[in-house]
Amino acid sequence: MLKDVPKSYAFYSPENFDHGYRGVVTATSALVYSLNIPAVELLQKLSPHAFYALLQKSGIQHLKSEDFYGLALALGGFEINMHEMVKMYGALANGGISRDLKFVKGEDETESEIQKNSFLFSPEAAFLTLEMLKYNEPVDKNKSIPVYWKTGTSYSYKDAWSVGIAGKYIIGVWIGNFDGTPNSSFVGRTAAAPLFFEIVRTLQKNDDFSKTALSLSGLNIAKVDICRPTGDIANADCPDTVQSWFIPGVSPLHASL
C-alpha cells in the first residue's frame, strides 16, 4: 500500500495529472493511474543513485547530471527517445535483459551483441511489473488478449506517449510537434493510446496471439494472503484479505500488527 496525499519536499511539491489525491492505494493502482506522489516517495526509499544508475545502464544517451533532475527523475523528467523507450520495455519482455533493437526482419544477434546485453533487473521484477501493467484497461475496452502498456504526458504538453507489449510485439506511439511546440491535446491516454490500440488490433487480425499470458516457469515468486487495509501479511485479526504476488527473500513484507 502506498500513500497518495499532498506532500512537499523542500521547494518541490509534486502533483498528479488530475490535481486530485486518492489516499491509500495499491502499488498497481499507483502505476496504472500514473500517481506522481507515490512514485517520488518510492524513489526516496531506494539506495542513493540506484534509479539513475539503472537509466544509465539501460543505454539512455543524453542524461544530464542526477542533481539536475532531482526528484522529478521519478516522473520521467529526463530526456529519452522512442528507440530507448522501446528498448527498456523490451527488457521487461525479456525477463530483465536489455537487448539491442533490430530493424531488419530475420536479422540475428551477433556474438559481440549478445555479450553486450545488459541485465537490468531480475526476471521476477520484470514479471511483477508486467503483471501490474496488464490492469491498465484498454481504451477500446477490448480485453480479448492481455496488453501490458502505459501512457505518458510530458511537462507542458509537448509529448503524448503510449508504449507497451502485446504478444511478441513491443509498440511505441509518440504524438507531438517536431519543433517541440506544446498542445493541450497532447495527452497520452486520449491522443496516443487510441492509435496504440489500433495497431494492436490490426496485428491481432493477422497474427497468433494465443500465447500472450505471462509465464511463471523458473521464477522465484509466490502468492501470500495480504491484509487489504494495510498491505501487510494477513493474520487472524484481519478479516479483509486479498492474495498478492511477492518475491521470497526480496519483497519487504511484514506481519500485520
C-alpha atoms as a PDB file:
ATOM      1  CA  MET A   1       0.000   0.000   0.000  1.00  0.00           C
ATOM      2  CA  LEU A   2       1.212   3.492  -0.863  1.00  0.00           C
ATOM      3  CA  LYS A   3       0.038   6.951   0.169  1.00  0.00           C
ATOM      4  CA  ASP A   4      -1.222   9.387  -2.444  1.00  0.00           C
ATOM      5  CA  VAL A   5      -1.609  12.519  -0.331  1.00  0.00           C
ATOM      6  CA  PRO A   6      -0.299  16.101  -0.637  1.00  0.00           C
ATOM      7  CA  LYS A   7       3.380  16.279   0.222  1.00  0.00           C
ATOM      8  CA  SER A   8       6.207  18.780  -0.171  1.00  0.00           C
ATOM      9  CA  TYR A   9       9.940  18.127  -0.499  1.00  0.00           C
ATOM     10  CA  ALA A  10      11.804  21.349   0.266  1.00  0.00           C
ATOM     11  CA  PHE A  11      10.913  23.518  -2.764  1.00  0.00           C
ATOM     12  CA  TYR A  12       9.234  20.705  -4.728  1.00  0.00           C
ATOM     13  CA  SER A  13       5.557  19.735  -4.401  1.00  0.00           C
ATOM     14  CA  PRO A  14       4.602  17.010  -6.909  1.00  0.00           C
ATOM     15  CA  GLU A  15       1.007  16.827  -8.133  1.00  0.00           C
ATOM     16  CA  ASN A  16      -0.998  14.253 -10.020  1.00  0.00           C
ATOM     17  CA  PHE A  17      -2.151  14.939 -13.581  1.00  0.00           C
ATOM     18  CA  ASP A  18      -5.755  15.485 -12.418  1.00  0.00           C
ATOM     19  CA  HIS A  19      -4.603  17.558  -9.394  1.00  0.00           C
ATOM     20  CA  GLY A  20      -6.501  15.146  -7.110  1.00  0.00           C
ATOM     21  CA  TYR A  21      -5.446  12.622  -4.461  1.00  0.00           C
ATOM     22  CA  ARG A  22      -6.619   9.075  -3.827  1.00  0.00           C
ATOM     23  CA  GLY A  23      -5.358   8.442  -0.296  1.00  0.00           C
ATOM     24  CA  VAL A  24      -4.035   4.932   0.374  1.00  0.00           C
ATOM     25  CA  VAL A  25      -3.656   2.941  -2.858  1.00  0.00           C
ATOM     26  CA  THR A  26      -2.085  -0.294  -4.044  1.00  0.00           C
ATOM     27  CA  ALA A  27       1.199  -0.222  -5.951  1.00  0.00           C
ATOM     28  CA  THR A  28      -0.688  -1.471  -9.017  1.00  0.00           C
ATOM     29  CA  SER A  29      -3.129   1.448  -8.884  1.00  0.00           C
ATOM     30  CA  ALA A  30      -0.287   3.905  -8.377  1.00  0.00           C
ATOM     31  CA  LEU A  31       1.420   2.617 -11.532  1.00  0.00           C
ATOM     32  CA  VAL A  32      -1.687   2.232 -13.707  1.00  0.00           C
ATOM     33  CA  TYR A  33      -3.024   5.700 -12.841  1.00  0.00           C
ATOM     34  CA  SER A  34       0.385   7.405 -13.035  1.00  0.00           C
ATOM     35  CA  LEU A  35       0.207   8.729  -9.478  1.00  0.00           C
ATOM     36  CA  ASN A  36       3.187  11.020  -9.034  1.00  0.00           C
ATOM     37  CA  ILE A  37       3.458  11.315  -5.263  1.00  0.00           C
ATOM     38  CA  PRO A  38       3.857   7.551  -4.602  1.00  0.00           C
ATOM     39  CA  ALA A  39       6.491   7.440  -7.364  1.00  0.00           C
ATOM     40  CA  VAL A  40       8.522  10.227  -5.754  1.00  0.00           C
ATOM     41  CA  GLU A  41       8.155   8.597  -2.333  1.00  0.00           C
ATOM     42  CA  LEU A  42       9.448   5.276  -3.682  1.00  0.00           C
ATOM     43  CA  LEU A  43      12.416   6.989  -5.347  1.00  0.00           C
ATOM     44  CA  GLN A  44      13.419   8.396  -1.971  1.00  0.00           C
ATOM     45  CA  LYS A  45      13.360   4.901  -0.446  1.00  0.00           C
ATOM     46  CA  LEU A  46      15.775   3.445  -2.992  1.00  0.00           C
ATOM     47  CA  SER A  47      19.507   3.277  -2.389  1.00  0.00           C
ATOM     48  CA  PRO A  48      21.208   6.564  -3.394  1.00  0.00           C
ATOM     49  CA  HIS A  49      21.780   6.836  -7.160  1.00  0.00           C
ATOM     50  CA  ALA A  50      20.170   3.402  -7.802  1.00  0.00           C
ATOM     51  CA  PHE A  51      17.490   4.575 -10.232  1.00  0.00           C
ATOM     52  CA  TYR A  52      19.814   6.956 -12.074  1.00  0.00           C
ATOM     53  CA  ALA A  53      22.344   4.136 -12.440  1.00  0.00           C
ATOM     54  CA  LEU A  54      19.593   1.909 -13.882  1.00  0.00           C
ATOM     55  CA  LEU A  55      18.770   4.554 -16.501  1.00  0.00           C
ATOM     56  CA  GLN A  56      22.442   4.830 -17.422  1.00  0.00           C
ATOM     57  CA  LYS A  57      22.822   1.063 -17.691  1.00  0.00           C
ATOM     58  CA  SER A  58      19.730   0.832 -19.904  1.00  0.00           C
ATOM     59  CA  GLY A  59      21.526   2.899 -22.542  1.00  0.00           C
ATOM     60  CA  ILE A  60      19.795   6.292 -22.329  1.00  0.00           C
ATOM     61  CA  GLN A  61      22.292   8.530 -24.101  1.00  0.00           C
ATOM     62  CA  HIS A  62      21.592  12.143 -23.205  1.00  0.00           C
ATOM     63  CA  LEU A  63      21.106  12.182 -19.439  1.00  0.00           C
ATOM     64  CA  LYS A  64      22.220  15.283 -17.597  1.00  0.00           C
ATOM     65  CA  SER A  65      23.637  15.007 -14.082  1.00  0.00           C
ATOM     66  CA  GLU A  66      21.444  13.367 -11.444  1.00  0.00           C
ATOM     67  CA  ASP A  67      21.274  16.608  -9.432  1.00  0.00           C
ATOM     68  CA  PHE A  68      19.817  18.432 -12.438  1.00  0.00           C
ATOM     69  CA  TYR A  69      16.629  16.332 -12.280  1.00  0.00           C
ATOM     70  CA  GLY A  70      16.207  15.901  -8.546  1.00  0.00           C
ATOM     71  CA  LEU A  71      13.042  14.067  -7.526  1.00  0.00           C
ATOM     72  CA  ALA A  72      11.472  14.723 -10.942  1.00  0.00           C
ATOM     73  CA  LEU A  73      13.600  11.772 -12.084  1.00  0.00           C
ATOM     74  CA  ALA A  74      10.826   9.511 -10.719  1.00  0.00           C
ATOM     75  CA  LEU A  75       8.264  11.153 -13.018  1.00  0.00           C
ATOM     76  CA  GLY A  76      10.079  10.799 -16.329  1.00  0.00           C
ATOM     77  CA  GLY A  77      11.583  14.266 -16.142  1.00  0.00           C
ATOM     78  CA  PHE A  78      14.587  13.215 -18.241  1.00  0.00           C
ATOM     79  CA  GLU A  79      15.326  13.080 -21.978  1.00  0.00           C
ATOM     80  CA  ILE A  80      14.525   9.806 -23.756  1.00  0.00           C
ATOM     81  CA  ASN A  81      13.765   8.896 -27.364  1.00  0.00           C
ATOM     82  CA  MET A  82      11.462   6.199 -28.716  1.00  0.00           C
ATOM     83  CA  HIS A  83      14.336   3.819 -29.509  1.00  0.00           C
ATOM     84  CA  GLU A  84      15.462   3.941 -25.859  1.00  0.00           C
ATOM     85  CA  MET A  85      11.903   3.705 -24.508  1.00  0.00           C
ATOM     86  CA  VAL A  86      11.026   0.632 -26.588  1.00  0.00           C
ATOM     87  CA  LYS A  87      14.347  -0.985 -25.656  1.00  0.00           C
ATOM     88  CA  MET A  88      13.505  -0.646 -21.946  1.00  0.00           C
ATOM     89  CA  TYR A  89      10.091  -2.268 -22.476  1.00  0.00           C
ATOM     90  CA  GLY A  90      11.952  -4.985 -24.346  1.00  0.00           C
ATOM     91  CA  ALA A  91      13.911  -5.666 -21.166  1.00  0.00           C
ATOM     92  CA  LEU A  92      10.613  -6.274 -19.356  1.00  0.00           C
ATOM     93  CA  ALA A  93       9.554  -8.712 -22.083  1.00  0.00           C
ATOM     94  CA  ASN A  94      12.955 -10.448 -21.986  1.00  0.00           C
ATOM     95  CA  GLY A  95      12.924 -11.178 -18.267  1.00  0.00           C
ATOM     96  CA  GLY A  96      15.049  -8.178 -17.286  1.00  0.00           C
ATOM     97  CA  ILE A  97      17.679  -8.454 -20.051  1.00  0.00           C
ATOM     98  CA  SER A  98      18.188  -5.409 -22.281  1.00  0.00           C
ATOM     99  CA  ARG A  99      18.995  -6.237 -25.909  1.00  0.00           C
ATOM    100  CA  ASP A 100      19.721  -4.040 -28.918  1.00  0.00           C
ATOM    101  CA  LEU A 101      16.774  -3.455 -31.238  1.00  0.00           C
ATOM    102  CA  LYS A 102      16.734  -4.956 -34.728  1.00  0.00           C
ATOM    103  CA  PHE A 103      15.366  -3.069 -37.706  1.00  0.00           C
ATOM    104  CA  VAL A 104      15.608  -5.799 -40.355  1.00  0.00           C
ATOM    105  CA  LYS A 105      13.289  -8.814 -40.173  1.00  0.00           C
ATOM    106  CA  GLY A 106      15.146 -12.071 -39.539  1.00  0.00           C
ATOM    107  CA  GLU A 107      18.403 -10.383 -38.561  1.00  0.00           C
ATOM    108  CA  ASP A 108      20.029 -12.361 -35.730  1.00  0.00           C
ATOM    109  CA  GLU A 109      22.217 -11.079 -32.923  1.00  0.00           C
ATOM    110  CA  THR A 110      25.948 -11.374 -33.406  1.00  0.00           C
ATOM    111  CA  GLU A 111      28.129 -12.902 -30.705  1.00  0.00           C
ATOM    112  CA  SER A 112      29.503  -9.487 -29.734  1.00  0.00           C
ATOM    113  CA  GLU A 113      25.963  -8.076 -29.452  1.00  0.00           C
ATOM    114  CA  ILE A 114      24.906 -10.958 -27.209  1.00  0.00           C
ATOM    115  CA  GLN A 115      27.843 -10.207 -24.915  1.00  0.00           C
ATOM    116  CA  LYS A 116      26.713  -6.559 -24.689  1.00  0.00           C
ATOM    117  CA  ASN A 117      23.233  -7.497 -23.445  1.00  0.00           C
ATOM    118  CA  SER A 118      22.633  -5.913 -20.046  1.00  0.00           C
ATOM    119  CA  PHE A 119      20.921  -7.493 -17.047  1.00  0.00           C
ATOM    120  CA  LEU A 120      18.792  -4.578 -15.819  1.00  0.00           C
ATOM    121  CA  PHE A 121      16.575  -6.275 -13.232  1.00  0.00           C
ATOM    122  CA  SER A 122      15.514  -9.717 -12.082  1.00  0.00           C
ATOM    123  CA  PRO A 123      13.057 -11.888 -14.055  1.00  0.00           C
ATOM    124  CA  GLU A 124      10.775 -11.718 -11.003  1.00  0.00           C
ATOM    125  CA  ALA A 125      10.777  -7.893 -11.026  1.00  0.00           C
ATOM    126  CA  ALA A 126      10.038  -7.921 -14.765  1.00  0.00           C
ATOM    127  CA  PHE A 127       7.136 -10.341 -14.204  1.00  0.00           C
ATOM    128  CA  LEU A 128       5.622  -8.260 -11.392  1.00  0.00           C
ATOM    129  CA  THR A 129       5.873  -5.034 -13.408  1.00  0.00           C
ATOM    130  CA  LEU A 130       4.095  -6.579 -16.390  1.00  0.00           C
ATOM    131  CA  GLU A 131       1.538  -8.207 -14.094  1.00  0.00           C
ATOM    132  CA  MET A 132       0.666  -4.716 -12.815  1.00  0.00           C
ATOM    133  CA  LEU A 133       0.633  -3.120 -16.266  1.00  0.00           C
ATOM    134  CA  LYS A 134      -1.936  -5.598 -17.588  1.00  0.00           C
ATOM    135  CA  TYR A 135      -4.522  -3.998 -15.263  1.00  0.00           C
ATOM    136  CA  ASN A 136      -4.318  -0.785 -17.283  1.00  0.00           C
ATOM    137  CA  GLU A 137      -7.669  -1.073 -19.083  1.00  0.00           C
ATOM    138  CA  PRO A 138      -7.550  -0.802 -22.913  1.00  0.00           C
ATOM    139  CA  VAL A 139      -9.072   2.423 -24.199  1.00  0.00           C
ATOM    140  CA  ASP A 140     -11.192   0.400 -26.656  1.00  0.00           C
ATOM    141  CA  LYS A 141     -12.454  -1.847 -23.782  1.00  0.00           C
ATOM    142  CA  ASN A 142     -11.360  -4.948 -25.753  1.00  0.00           C
ATOM    143  CA  LYS A 143      -9.857  -7.456 -23.292  1.00  0.00           C
ATOM    144  CA  SER A 144      -9.511 -10.371 -25.703  1.00  0.00           C
ATOM    145  CA  ILE A 145      -5.741 -10.534 -25.137  1.00  0.00           C
ATOM    146  CA  PRO A 146      -3.557  -9.201 -22.317  1.00  0.00           C
ATOM    147  CA  VAL A 147      -1.737  -5.986 -23.199  1.00  0.00           C
ATOM    148  CA  TYR A 148       0.986  -4.673 -20.899  1.00  0.00           C
ATOM    149  CA  TRP A 149       1.028  -0.952 -21.583  1.00  0.00           C
ATOM    150  CA  LYS A 150       1.385   2.558 -20.223  1.00  0.00           C
ATOM    151  CA  THR A 151       0.788   6.140 -21.261  1.00  0.00           C
ATOM    152  CA  GLY A 152       2.695   9.311 -20.536  1.00  0.00           C
ATOM    153  CA  THR A 153       2.163  13.056 -20.938  1.00  0.00           C
ATOM    154  CA  SER A 154       5.209  15.292 -20.781  1.00  0.00           C
ATOM    155  CA  TYR A 155       5.540  18.572 -18.943  1.00  0.00           C
ATOM    156  CA  SER A 156       3.818  21.463 -20.785  1.00  0.00           C
ATOM    157  CA  TYR A 157       2.013  19.014 -23.122  1.00  0.00           C
ATOM    158  CA  LYS A 158       4.880  18.682 -25.577  1.00  0.00           C
ATOM    159  CA  ASP A 159       4.670  14.873 -25.909  1.00  0.00           C
ATOM    160  CA  ALA A 160       1.988  12.211 -25.642  1.00  0.00           C
ATOM    161  CA  TRP A 161       3.228   8.614 -25.300  1.00  0.00           C
ATOM    162  CA  SER A 162       1.782   5.125 -25.333  1.00  0.00           C
ATOM    163  CA  VAL A 163       4.166   2.163 -25.125  1.00  0.00           C
ATOM    164  CA  GLY A 164       3.532  -1.470 -24.357  1.00  0.00           C
ATOM    165  CA  ILE A 165       3.762  -5.175 -25.134  1.00  0.00           C
ATOM    166  CA  ALA A 166       1.165  -7.257 -26.976  1.00  0.00           C
ATOM    167  CA  GLY A 167       2.077 -10.835 -27.820  1.00  0.00           C
ATOM    168  CA  LYS A 168       5.550 -10.871 -29.393  1.00  0.00           C
ATOM    169  CA  TYR A 169       5.359  -7.165 -30.290  1.00  0.00           C
ATOM    170  CA  ILE A 170       6.582  -4.051 -28.491  1.00  0.00           C
ATOM    171  CA  ILE A 171       4.708  -1.000 -29.761  1.00  0.00           C
ATOM    172  CA  GLY A 172       5.594   2.636 -29.220  1.00  0.00           C
ATOM    173  CA  VAL A 173       3.451   5.643 -30.195  1.00  0.00           C
ATOM    174  CA  TRP A 174       4.534   9.270 -29.870  1.00  0.00           C
ATOM    175  CA  ILE A 175       2.304  12.254 -30.633  1.00  0.00           C
ATOM    176  CA  GLY A 176       3.840  15.718 -30.761  1.00  0.00           C
ATOM    177  CA  ASN A 177       5.267  18.511 -32.885  1.00  0.00           C
ATOM    178  CA  PHE A 178       8.782  18.099 -34.228  1.00  0.00           C
ATOM    179  CA  ASP A 179       9.680  21.635 -33.158  1.00  0.00           C
ATOM    180  CA  GLY A 180       8.569  20.927 -29.582  1.00  0.00           C
ATOM    181  CA  THR A 181       5.578  23.278 -29.669  1.00  0.00           C
ATOM    182  CA  PRO A 182       3.154  22.277 -26.884  1.00  0.00           C
ATOM    183  CA  ASN A 183      -0.502  21.467 -27.437  1.00  0.00           C
ATOM    184  CA  SER A 184      -3.008  20.872 -24.643  1.00  0.00           C
ATOM    185  CA  SER A 185      -4.488  17.962 -26.632  1.00  0.00           C
ATOM    186  CA  PHE A 186      -1.192  16.032 -26.426  1.00  0.00           C
ATOM    187  CA  VAL A 187      -2.329  13.749 -23.582  1.00  0.00           C
ATOM    188  CA  GLY A 188      -1.128  10.165 -23.572  1.00  0.00           C
ATOM    189  CA  ARG A 189      -4.425   8.396 -22.912  1.00  0.00           C
ATOM    190  CA  THR A 190      -6.537  10.435 -25.318  1.00  0.00           C
ATOM    191  CA  ALA A 191      -4.032  11.205 -28.098  1.00  0.00           C
ATOM    192  CA  ALA A 192      -1.513   8.329 -28.239  1.00  0.00           C
ATOM    193  CA  ALA A 193      -3.397   5.381 -26.698  1.00  0.00           C
ATOM    194  CA  PRO A 194      -6.160   5.147 -29.352  1.00  0.00           C
ATOM    195  CA  LEU A 195      -3.536   4.838 -32.114  1.00  0.00           C
ATOM    196  CA  PHE A 196      -1.603   2.320 -29.997  1.00  0.00           C
ATOM    197  CA  PHE A 197      -4.658   0.071 -29.757  1.00  0.00           C
ATOM    198  CA  GLU A 198      -5.488   0.493 -33.445  1.00  0.00           C
ATOM    199  CA  ILE A 199      -2.060  -1.003 -34.132  1.00  0.00           C
ATOM    200  CA  VAL A 200      -2.617  -3.788 -31.586  1.00  0.00           C
ATOM    201  CA  ARG A 201      -5.971  -4.777 -33.122  1.00  0.00           C
ATOM    202  CA  THR A 202      -4.548  -4.721 -36.650  1.00  0.00           C
ATOM    203  CA  LEU A 203      -1.732  -7.039 -35.582  1.00  0.00           C
ATOM    204  CA  GLN A 204      -4.254  -9.202 -33.755  1.00  0.00           C
ATOM    205  CA  LYS A 205      -6.161  -9.837 -37.001  1.00  0.00           C
ATOM    206  CA  ASN A 206      -3.102 -11.192 -38.786  1.00  0.00           C
ATOM    207  CA  ASP A 207      -1.076 -12.934 -36.083  1.00  0.00           C
ATOM    208  CA  ASP A 208      -1.382 -15.635 -33.432  1.00  0.00           C
ATOM    209  CA  PHE A 209      -1.833 -14.030 -30.024  1.00  0.00           C
ATOM    210  CA  SER A 210      -2.840 -17.274 -28.300  1.00  0.00           C
ATOM    211  CA  LYS A 211       0.340 -17.414 -26.186  1.00  0.00           C
ATOM    212  CA  THR A 212       0.249 -13.981 -24.605  1.00  0.00           C
ATOM    213  CA  ALA A 213      -0.037 -14.803 -20.884  1.00  0.00           C
ATOM    214  CA  LEU A 214       2.949 -14.323 -18.598  1.00  0.00           C
ATOM    215  CA  SER A 215       4.868 -17.465 -17.691  1.00  0.00           C
ATOM    216  CA  LEU A 216       5.840 -18.370 -14.110  1.00  0.00           C
ATOM    217  CA  SER A 217       8.284 -21.030 -15.267  1.00  0.00           C
ATOM    218  CA  GLY A 218      11.554 -20.881 -13.318  1.00  0.00           C
ATOM    219  CA  LEU A 219      10.603 -17.791 -11.322  1.00  0.00           C
ATOM    220  CA  ASN A 220      11.197 -17.390  -7.577  1.00  0.00           C
ATOM    221  CA  ILE A 221       7.732 -15.995  -6.999  1.00  0.00           C
ATOM    222  CA  ALA A 222       4.708 -16.934  -4.910  1.00  0.00           C
ATOM    223  CA  LYS A 223       1.423 -15.604  -3.547  1.00  0.00           C
ATOM    224  CA  VAL A 224       0.568 -14.723   0.016  1.00  0.00           C
ATOM    225  CA  ASP A 225      -2.557 -13.516   1.830  1.00  0.00           C
ATOM    226  CA  ILE A 226      -2.336  -9.767   2.395  1.00  0.00           C
ATOM    227  CA  CYS A 227      -4.382  -7.637   4.787  1.00  0.00           C
ATOM    228  CA  ARG A 228      -6.152  -5.334   2.326  1.00  0.00           C
ATOM    229  CA  PRO A 229      -6.267  -2.177   4.518  1.00  0.00           C
ATOM    230  CA  THR A 230      -2.560  -2.274   5.449  1.00  0.00           C
ATOM    231  CA  GLY A 231      -0.754  -4.181   2.701  1.00  0.00           C
ATOM    232  CA  ASP A 232       0.998  -6.364   5.308  1.00  0.00           C
ATOM    233  CA  ILE A 233       0.871 -10.149   5.643  1.00  0.00           C
ATOM    234  CA  ALA A 234      -2.565 -11.061   6.973  1.00  0.00           C
ATOM    235  CA  ASN A 235      -3.089 -12.567  10.417  1.00  0.00           C
ATOM    236  CA  ALA A 236      -6.126 -13.826  12.337  1.00  0.00           C
ATOM    237  CA  ASP A 237      -7.102 -10.255  13.293  1.00  0.00           C
ATOM    238  CA  CYS A 238      -7.553  -9.123   9.675  1.00  0.00           C
ATOM    239  CA  PRO A 239     -10.775 -10.426   8.082  1.00  0.00           C
ATOM    240  CA  ASP A 240     -10.370  -8.401   4.869  1.00  0.00           C
ATOM    241  CA  THR A 241      -7.665 -10.199   2.877  1.00  0.00           C
ATOM    242  CA  VAL A 242      -6.517 -10.454  -0.731  1.00  0.00           C
ATOM    243  CA  GLN A 243      -3.829 -12.565  -2.386  1.00  0.00           C
ATOM    244  CA  SER A 244      -0.775 -10.788  -3.741  1.00  0.00           C
ATOM    245  CA  TRP A 245       2.421 -11.791  -5.515  1.00  0.00           C
ATOM    246  CA  PHE A 246       5.731 -11.477  -3.717  1.00  0.00           C
ATOM    247  CA  ILE A 247       9.373 -12.454  -4.258  1.00  0.00           C
ATOM    248  CA  PRO A 248      10.503 -14.705  -1.347  1.00  0.00           C
ATOM    249  CA  GLY A 249      13.535 -13.229   0.366  1.00  0.00           C
ATOM    250  CA  VAL A 250      13.245  -9.942  -1.516  1.00  0.00           C
ATOM    251  CA  SER A 251       9.791  -8.358  -1.088  1.00  0.00           C
ATOM    252  CA  PRO A 252       9.682  -6.263   2.117  1.00  0.00           C
ATOM    253  CA  LEU A 253       6.557  -7.823   3.632  1.00  0.00           C
ATOM    254  CA  HIS A 254       5.712  -7.608   7.319  1.00  0.00           C
ATOM    255  CA  ALA A 255       3.122  -9.260   9.512  1.00  0.00           C
ATOM    256  CA  SER A 256       0.091  -7.137  10.410  1.00  0.00           C
ATOM    257  CA  LEU A 257       0.105  -5.843  13.976  1.00  0.00           C
END
